[in-house]
Structures are given as structure tokens and as C-alpha cells.
Amino acid sequence: MLIPHDTRIALETVVDLVNTAPEDGAGDGLADVPALYGFAERHRISGVGALGDRDLRAVRDVRGRFAEIFAAPDARTAAELVNGLVAAAGTTPQLTNHDGYDWHVHYFAPDASVADHLAADCGMALAFIVVAGEQERLRRCDAPDCRDAFVDLSRNRSRRYCSSRTCGNRLHVAAYRARRREAAG
């Protein structure tokens, strides 16, 4: 599946945003406004001005709506969720080149809030996945103690873990050790 660079970046951003949600006793990755600034900086979100508690609440709301898209049972449900999210953001597609990036499309208005920026750009990236008939690529990690979101971009759609280095390796090592104990016992 061919994914343009800006769409790939938006998909990485939405995955990281969804994974900031507190789960199973873990803290909120967007606990406060400084954490939101850090997120915006890490993801090079353009046009971020002064942020406050209102922005934090709005981004957390968008994060929850993205999580619903990852949990959608089928493409129709995902499409309805994406449509609602993108429409609420007031998308205004425009071509732009900035910060060393070549021409690409921004889907948010130039003066959009950070929440609308994320909803529009990341929502459209998810829309492209649904349009391509690839909604099943929006997944949660199979590791029982993880459940992080990820987009499976493998050729054969076989990825099961958010990271093969952490979750995948940890589970494979545990299975190996269990087999060794069983063989020795």
C-alpha cells in the first residue's frame, strides 16, 4: 500500500496521540498543558500558538474519538466516525510547503486550534485508510499487557504487536522459556 509522506506522518501522530490515553493504571500522556506542548513539538505540529486547559480538553476529546475509530468493528462505522470528526474540525484543504517539507495538503484552516489541526489532518489520514479498504490495518497490540494502537503497514497485514522489539520479543521469549520448562519437566 503506497502512503504519501504527509499521510504517514499523520498516521504516526494519531497513533502516538491515541497511545497517550491512560490505560490499565498507566498515567495520562497528556496530563497537563506542558505535556501537550511536548506532544506538539515532537510531532512538529505547525502553527501552534499559546495553549491552555481548553486546548488540552479539546485534544483529549479528539484522542477519544480517534480511539473509537481504532475500535470500530467495520469500515462503515469507521467512516461515520471519521466523517463526524473531520466535519467538526471544519476542514479547508490547501496545498502548502513549509519547514523543509515539499508540497503537501493541510486539511485545517490556517488559524485552527491544535485539536482541529489534529482532527482534520489525522482524520483525513484515517479516511485514506478506510477509502483504500484497509480499515483492518488500524489495530491494537495483541500483547495482553499492552493494547497500544498501531497501523499495520506490513505487506501481508500480519503485524500483531505495536513493536516487535518490545511486546513481540517479550512474548516470544516468554513462550520459548515456557517450552524449555515443559521440555525439562
C-alpha atoms as a PDB file:
ATOM      1  CA  MET A   1       0.000   0.000   0.000  1.00  0.00           C
ATOM      2  CA  LEU A   2       1.521   3.305  -1.104  1.00  0.00           C
ATOM      3  CA  ILE A   3       1.106   6.009   1.511  1.00  0.00           C
ATOM      4  CA  PRO A   4       2.313   9.580   0.875  1.00  0.00           C
ATOM      5  CA  HIS A   5       4.827  11.007   3.333  1.00  0.00           C
ATOM      6  CA  ASP A   6       2.437  13.522   4.913  1.00  0.00           C
ATOM      7  CA  THR A   7      -0.218  10.841   5.409  1.00  0.00           C
ATOM      8  CA  ARG A   8       2.356   8.544   7.028  1.00  0.00           C
ATOM      9  CA  ILE A   9       3.357  11.341   9.412  1.00  0.00           C
ATOM     10  CA  ALA A  10      -0.305  11.978  10.277  1.00  0.00           C
ATOM     11  CA  LEU A  11      -0.821   8.255  10.937  1.00  0.00           C
ATOM     12  CA  GLU A  12       2.203   8.200  13.261  1.00  0.00           C
ATOM     13  CA  THR A  13       0.807  11.240  15.043  1.00  0.00           C
ATOM     14  CA  VAL A  14      -2.656   9.759  15.523  1.00  0.00           C
ATOM     15  CA  VAL A  15      -1.174   6.503  16.844  1.00  0.00           C
ATOM     16  CA  ASP A  16       1.007   8.399  19.309  1.00  0.00           C
ATOM     17  CA  LEU A  17      -1.967  10.536  20.348  1.00  0.00           C
ATOM     18  CA  VAL A  18      -4.212   7.520  20.958  1.00  0.00           C
ATOM     19  CA  ASN A  19      -1.409   5.876  22.932  1.00  0.00           C
ATOM     20  CA  THR A  20      -1.210   8.834  25.348  1.00  0.00           C
ATOM     21  CA  ALA A  21      -4.559   7.788  26.854  1.00  0.00           C
ATOM     22  CA  PRO A  22      -4.330   6.348  30.355  1.00  0.00           C
ATOM     23  CA  GLU A  23      -4.926   2.596  30.375  1.00  0.00           C
ATOM     24  CA  ASP A  24      -4.522  -0.116  32.981  1.00  0.00           C
ATOM     25  CA  GLY A  25      -3.175   2.199  35.659  1.00  0.00           C
ATOM     26  CA  ALA A  26      -0.739   4.000  33.361  1.00  0.00           C
ATOM     27  CA  GLY A  27      -0.746   7.772  33.601  1.00  0.00           C
ATOM     28  CA  ASP A  28      -2.154  10.132  31.004  1.00  0.00           C
ATOM     29  CA  GLY A  29       0.482  11.072  28.432  1.00  0.00           C
ATOM     30  CA  LEU A  30      -1.342  14.386  28.102  1.00  0.00           C
ATOM     31  CA  ALA A  31      -1.633  15.079  31.810  1.00  0.00           C
ATOM     32  CA  ASP A  32      -1.178  18.824  31.512  1.00  0.00           C
ATOM     33  CA  VAL A  33      -0.560  21.713  29.129  1.00  0.00           C
ATOM     34  CA  PRO A  34       3.269  21.257  29.135  1.00  0.00           C
ATOM     35  CA  ALA A  35       2.725  17.647  28.008  1.00  0.00           C
ATOM     36  CA  LEU A  36       0.533  18.948  25.176  1.00  0.00           C
ATOM     37  CA  TYR A  37       3.277  21.382  24.140  1.00  0.00           C
ATOM     38  CA  GLY A  38       5.739  18.477  24.195  1.00  0.00           C
ATOM     39  CA  PHE A  39       3.464  16.362  22.024  1.00  0.00           C
ATOM     40  CA  ALA A  40       3.035  19.214  19.528  1.00  0.00           C
ATOM     41  CA  GLU A  41       6.799  19.777  19.421  1.00  0.00           C
ATOM     42  CA  ARG A  42       7.657  16.076  18.981  1.00  0.00           C
ATOM     43  CA  HIS A  43       5.243  15.831  16.086  1.00  0.00           C
ATOM     44  CA  ARG A  44       6.239  19.157  14.576  1.00  0.00           C
ATOM     45  CA  ILE A  45       2.660  20.408  14.547  1.00  0.00           C
ATOM     46  CA  SER A  46       2.791  23.710  12.721  1.00  0.00           C
ATOM     47  CA  GLY A  47       1.121  26.912  13.813  1.00  0.00           C
ATOM     48  CA  VAL A  48       0.784  26.024  17.489  1.00  0.00           C
ATOM     49  CA  GLY A  49       0.405  29.222  19.459  1.00  0.00           C
ATOM     50  CA  ALA A  50      -0.414  29.640  23.114  1.00  0.00           C
ATOM     51  CA  LEU A  51      -2.071  26.552  24.561  1.00  0.00           C
ATOM     52  CA  GLY A  52      -4.265  26.301  27.641  1.00  0.00           C
ATOM     53  CA  ASP A  53      -6.540  23.974  29.553  1.00  0.00           C
ATOM     54  CA  ARG A  54      -9.274  24.396  26.943  1.00  0.00           C
ATOM     55  CA  ASP A  55      -6.890  23.121  24.236  1.00  0.00           C
ATOM     56  CA  LEU A  56      -5.895  20.210  26.452  1.00  0.00           C
ATOM     57  CA  ARG A  57      -9.530  19.193  26.970  1.00  0.00           C
ATOM     58  CA  ALA A  58     -10.249  19.523  23.240  1.00  0.00           C
ATOM     59  CA  VAL A  59      -7.230  17.387  22.259  1.00  0.00           C
ATOM     60  CA  ARG A  60      -8.200  14.737  24.812  1.00  0.00           C
ATOM     61  CA  ASP A  61     -11.689  14.690  23.274  1.00  0.00           C
ATOM     62  CA  VAL A  62     -10.201  14.250  19.785  1.00  0.00           C
ATOM     63  CA  ARG A  63      -7.960  11.497  21.173  1.00  0.00           C
ATOM     64  CA  GLY A  64     -11.039   9.648  22.447  1.00  0.00           C
ATOM     65  CA  ARG A  65     -12.730   9.959  19.084  1.00  0.00           C
ATOM     66  CA  PHE A  66      -9.628   8.571  17.342  1.00  0.00           C
ATOM     67  CA  ALA A  67      -9.634   5.638  19.779  1.00  0.00           C
ATOM     68  CA  GLU A  68     -13.233   4.915  18.736  1.00  0.00           C
ATOM     69  CA  ILE A  69     -12.082   4.734  15.100  1.00  0.00           C
ATOM     70  CA  PHE A  70      -9.404   2.170  16.021  1.00  0.00           C
ATOM     71  CA  ALA A  71     -12.104   0.163  17.825  1.00  0.00           C
ATOM     72  CA  ALA A  72     -14.651   0.411  15.004  1.00  0.00           C
ATOM     73  CA  PRO A  73     -15.972  -3.048  14.117  1.00  0.00           C
ATOM     74  CA  ASP A  74     -16.257  -2.333  10.386  1.00  0.00           C
ATOM     75  CA  ALA A  75     -15.459   0.191   7.663  1.00  0.00           C
ATOM     76  CA  ARG A  76     -18.937   1.751   7.692  1.00  0.00           C
ATOM     77  CA  THR A  77     -18.669   2.561  11.394  1.00  0.00           C
ATOM     78  CA  ALA A  78     -15.113   3.856  10.952  1.00  0.00           C
ATOM     79  CA  ALA A  79     -16.243   6.027   8.031  1.00  0.00           C
ATOM     80  CA  GLU A  80     -19.086   7.534  10.046  1.00  0.00           C
ATOM     81  CA  LEU A  81     -16.721   8.318  12.921  1.00  0.00           C
ATOM     82  CA  VAL A  82     -14.111   9.844  10.609  1.00  0.00           C
ATOM     83  CA  ASN A  83     -16.767  11.898   8.795  1.00  0.00           C
ATOM     84  CA  GLY A  84     -18.051  13.339  12.053  1.00  0.00           C
ATOM     85  CA  LEU A  85     -14.578  14.145  13.323  1.00  0.00           C
ATOM     86  CA  VAL A  86     -13.371  15.793  10.117  1.00  0.00           C
ATOM     87  CA  ALA A  87     -16.602  17.759   9.634  1.00  0.00           C
ATOM     88  CA  ALA A  88     -16.449  19.106  13.189  1.00  0.00           C
ATOM     89  CA  ALA A  89     -12.891  20.310  12.545  1.00  0.00           C
ATOM     90  CA  GLY A  90     -14.075  22.491   9.650  1.00  0.00           C
ATOM     91  CA  THR A  91     -11.652  21.159   7.079  1.00  0.00           C
ATOM     92  CA  THR A  92     -10.310  23.567   4.476  1.00  0.00           C
ATOM     93  CA  PRO A  93      -7.857  21.676   2.262  1.00  0.00           C
ATOM     94  CA  GLN A  94      -4.938  23.694   0.959  1.00  0.00           C
ATOM     95  CA  LEU A  95      -1.553  22.964  -0.574  1.00  0.00           C
ATOM     96  CA  THR A  96       1.447  24.159   1.405  1.00  0.00           C
ATOM     97  CA  ASN A  97       5.203  23.735   1.709  1.00  0.00           C
ATOM     98  CA  HIS A  98       6.932  24.710   4.936  1.00  0.00           C
ATOM     99  CA  ASP A  99       9.592  23.707   7.446  1.00  0.00           C
ATOM    100  CA  GLY A 100      11.608  21.796   4.861  1.00  0.00           C
ATOM    101  CA  TYR A 101       8.668  19.737   3.619  1.00  0.00           C
ATOM    102  CA  ASP A 102       7.793  19.726  -0.062  1.00  0.00           C
ATOM    103  CA  TRP A 103       4.234  20.361  -1.248  1.00  0.00           C
ATOM    104  CA  HIS A 104       1.587  18.582   0.762  1.00  0.00           C
ATOM    105  CA  VAL A 105      -2.026  19.084   1.794  1.00  0.00           C
ATOM    106  CA  HIS A 106      -3.147  20.627   5.062  1.00  0.00           C
ATOM    107  CA  TYR A 107      -6.772  19.965   5.841  1.00  0.00           C
ATOM    108  CA  PHE A 108      -7.137  22.529   8.613  1.00  0.00           C
ATOM    109  CA  ALA A 109      -7.708  26.272   8.457  1.00  0.00           C
ATOM    110  CA  PRO A 110      -4.571  28.401   8.981  1.00  0.00           C
ATOM    111  CA  ASP A 111      -5.870  29.669  12.348  1.00  0.00           C
ATOM    112  CA  ALA A 112      -7.206  26.293  13.547  1.00  0.00           C
ATOM    113  CA  SER A 113      -6.785  25.151  17.128  1.00  0.00           C
ATOM    114  CA  VAL A 114      -4.369  22.307  17.774  1.00  0.00           C
ATOM    115  CA  ALA A 115      -7.362  19.981  18.322  1.00  0.00           C
ATOM    116  CA  ASP A 116      -8.900  20.937  14.963  1.00  0.00           C
ATOM    117  CA  HIS A 117      -5.482  20.610  13.317  1.00  0.00           C
ATOM    118  CA  LEU A 118      -5.145  17.055  14.644  1.00  0.00           C
ATOM    119  CA  ALA A 119      -8.766  16.157  13.885  1.00  0.00           C
ATOM    120  CA  ALA A 120      -8.519  17.385  10.297  1.00  0.00           C
ATOM    121  CA  ASP A 121      -5.067  16.126   9.267  1.00  0.00           C
ATOM    122  CA  CYS A 122      -5.084  12.867  11.205  1.00  0.00           C
ATOM    123  CA  GLY A 123      -8.754  12.287  10.453  1.00  0.00           C
ATOM    124  CA  MET A 124      -8.062  12.578   6.730  1.00  0.00           C
ATOM    125  CA  ALA A 125      -5.130  10.162   7.050  1.00  0.00           C
ATOM    126  CA  LEU A 126      -7.512   7.656   8.647  1.00  0.00           C
ATOM    127  CA  ALA A 127     -10.054   8.425   5.917  1.00  0.00           C
ATOM    128  CA  PHE A 128      -7.500   7.391   3.284  1.00  0.00           C
ATOM    129  CA  ILE A 129      -7.002   4.078   5.085  1.00  0.00           C
ATOM    130  CA  VAL A 130     -10.767   3.435   5.131  1.00  0.00           C
ATOM    131  CA  VAL A 131     -11.185   4.517   1.470  1.00  0.00           C
ATOM    132  CA  ALA A 132      -8.410   2.114   0.461  1.00  0.00           C
ATOM    133  CA  GLY A 133     -10.389  -0.720   2.060  1.00  0.00           C
ATOM    134  CA  GLU A 134      -7.671  -1.146   4.673  1.00  0.00           C
ATOM    135  CA  GLN A 135      -9.546  -0.313   7.896  1.00  0.00           C
ATOM    136  CA  GLU A 136      -8.411  -3.610   9.417  1.00  0.00           C
ATOM    137  CA  ARG A 137      -4.872  -2.161   9.476  1.00  0.00           C
ATOM    138  CA  LEU A 138      -5.941   0.044  12.404  1.00  0.00           C
ATOM    139  CA  ARG A 139      -5.109  -2.278  15.277  1.00  0.00           C
ATOM    140  CA  ARG A 140      -4.350  -2.705  18.938  1.00  0.00           C
ATOM    141  CA  CYS A 141      -1.328  -4.638  20.173  1.00  0.00           C
ATOM    142  CA  ASP A 142      -2.008  -8.328  20.851  1.00  0.00           C
ATOM    143  CA  ALA A 143       0.203  -8.309  23.939  1.00  0.00           C
ATOM    144  CA  PRO A 144      -2.179  -8.827  26.865  1.00  0.00           C
ATOM    145  CA  ASP A 145      -0.467  -6.155  28.975  1.00  0.00           C
ATOM    146  CA  CYS A 146      -0.136  -3.511  26.243  1.00  0.00           C
ATOM    147  CA  ARG A 147      -3.080  -2.768  23.914  1.00  0.00           C
ATOM    148  CA  ASP A 148      -1.327   0.220  22.276  1.00  0.00           C
ATOM    149  CA  ALA A 149      -2.704   1.342  18.928  1.00  0.00           C
ATOM    150  CA  PHE A 150      -0.714   0.951  15.716  1.00  0.00           C
ATOM    151  CA  VAL A 151      -1.226   0.962  11.964  1.00  0.00           C
ATOM    152  CA  ASP A 152      -0.164  -2.314  10.368  1.00  0.00           C
ATOM    153  CA  LEU A 153       1.697  -1.291   7.229  1.00  0.00           C
ATOM    154  CA  SER A 154       3.172  -4.742   6.590  1.00  0.00           C
ATOM    155  CA  ARG A 155       2.589  -6.151   3.120  1.00  0.00           C
ATOM    156  CA  ASN A 156       0.547  -9.102   4.272  1.00  0.00           C
ATOM    157  CA  ARG A 157      -1.264  -7.356   7.156  1.00  0.00           C
ATOM    158  CA  SER A 158       0.247  -9.785   9.657  1.00  0.00           C
ATOM    159  CA  ARG A 159       1.672  -7.478  12.300  1.00  0.00           C
ATOM    160  CA  ARG A 160       0.325  -8.336  15.760  1.00  0.00           C
ATOM    161  CA  TYR A 161       2.329  -6.154  18.124  1.00  0.00           C
ATOM    162  CA  CYS A 162       2.856  -2.413  18.432  1.00  0.00           C
ATOM    163  CA  SER A 163       6.589  -3.134  18.466  1.00  0.00           C
ATOM    164  CA  SER A 164       8.352  -6.346  17.556  1.00  0.00           C
ATOM    165  CA  ARG A 165      11.311  -5.190  19.672  1.00  0.00           C
ATOM    166  CA  THR A 166       9.347  -4.813  22.883  1.00  0.00           C
ATOM    167  CA  CYS A 167       5.978  -6.543  23.010  1.00  0.00           C
ATOM    168  CA  GLY A 168       6.650  -9.109  20.288  1.00  0.00           C
ATOM    169  CA  ASN A 169      10.101 -10.048  21.563  1.00  0.00           C
ATOM    170  CA  ARG A 170       8.940 -10.210  25.197  1.00  0.00           C
ATOM    171  CA  LEU A 171       6.105 -12.612  24.323  1.00  0.00           C
ATOM    172  CA  HIS A 172       8.311 -14.760  22.082  1.00  0.00           C
ATOM    173  CA  VAL A 173      10.938 -15.058  24.839  1.00  0.00           C
ATOM    174  CA  ALA A 174       8.243 -15.970  27.386  1.00  0.00           C
ATOM    175  CA  ALA A 175       6.867 -18.660  25.042  1.00  0.00           C
ATOM    176  CA  TYR A 176      10.378 -20.014  24.445  1.00  0.00           C
ATOM    177  CA  ARG A 177      11.074 -20.206  28.179  1.00  0.00           C
ATOM    178  CA  ALA A 178       7.734 -21.940  28.784  1.00  0.00           C
ATOM    179  CA  ARG A 179       8.581 -24.534  26.128  1.00  0.00           C
ATOM    180  CA  ARG A 180      12.013 -25.072  27.695  1.00  0.00           C
ATOM    181  CA  ARG A 181      10.492 -25.549  31.178  1.00  0.00           C
ATOM    182  CA  GLU A 182       7.978 -28.006  29.746  1.00  0.00           C
ATOM    183  CA  ALA A 183      10.684 -29.970  27.919  1.00  0.00           C
ATOM    184  CA  ALA A 184      12.870 -30.079  31.035  1.00  0.00           C
ATOM    185  CA  GLY A 185       9.987 -31.043  33.323  1.00  0.00           C
END
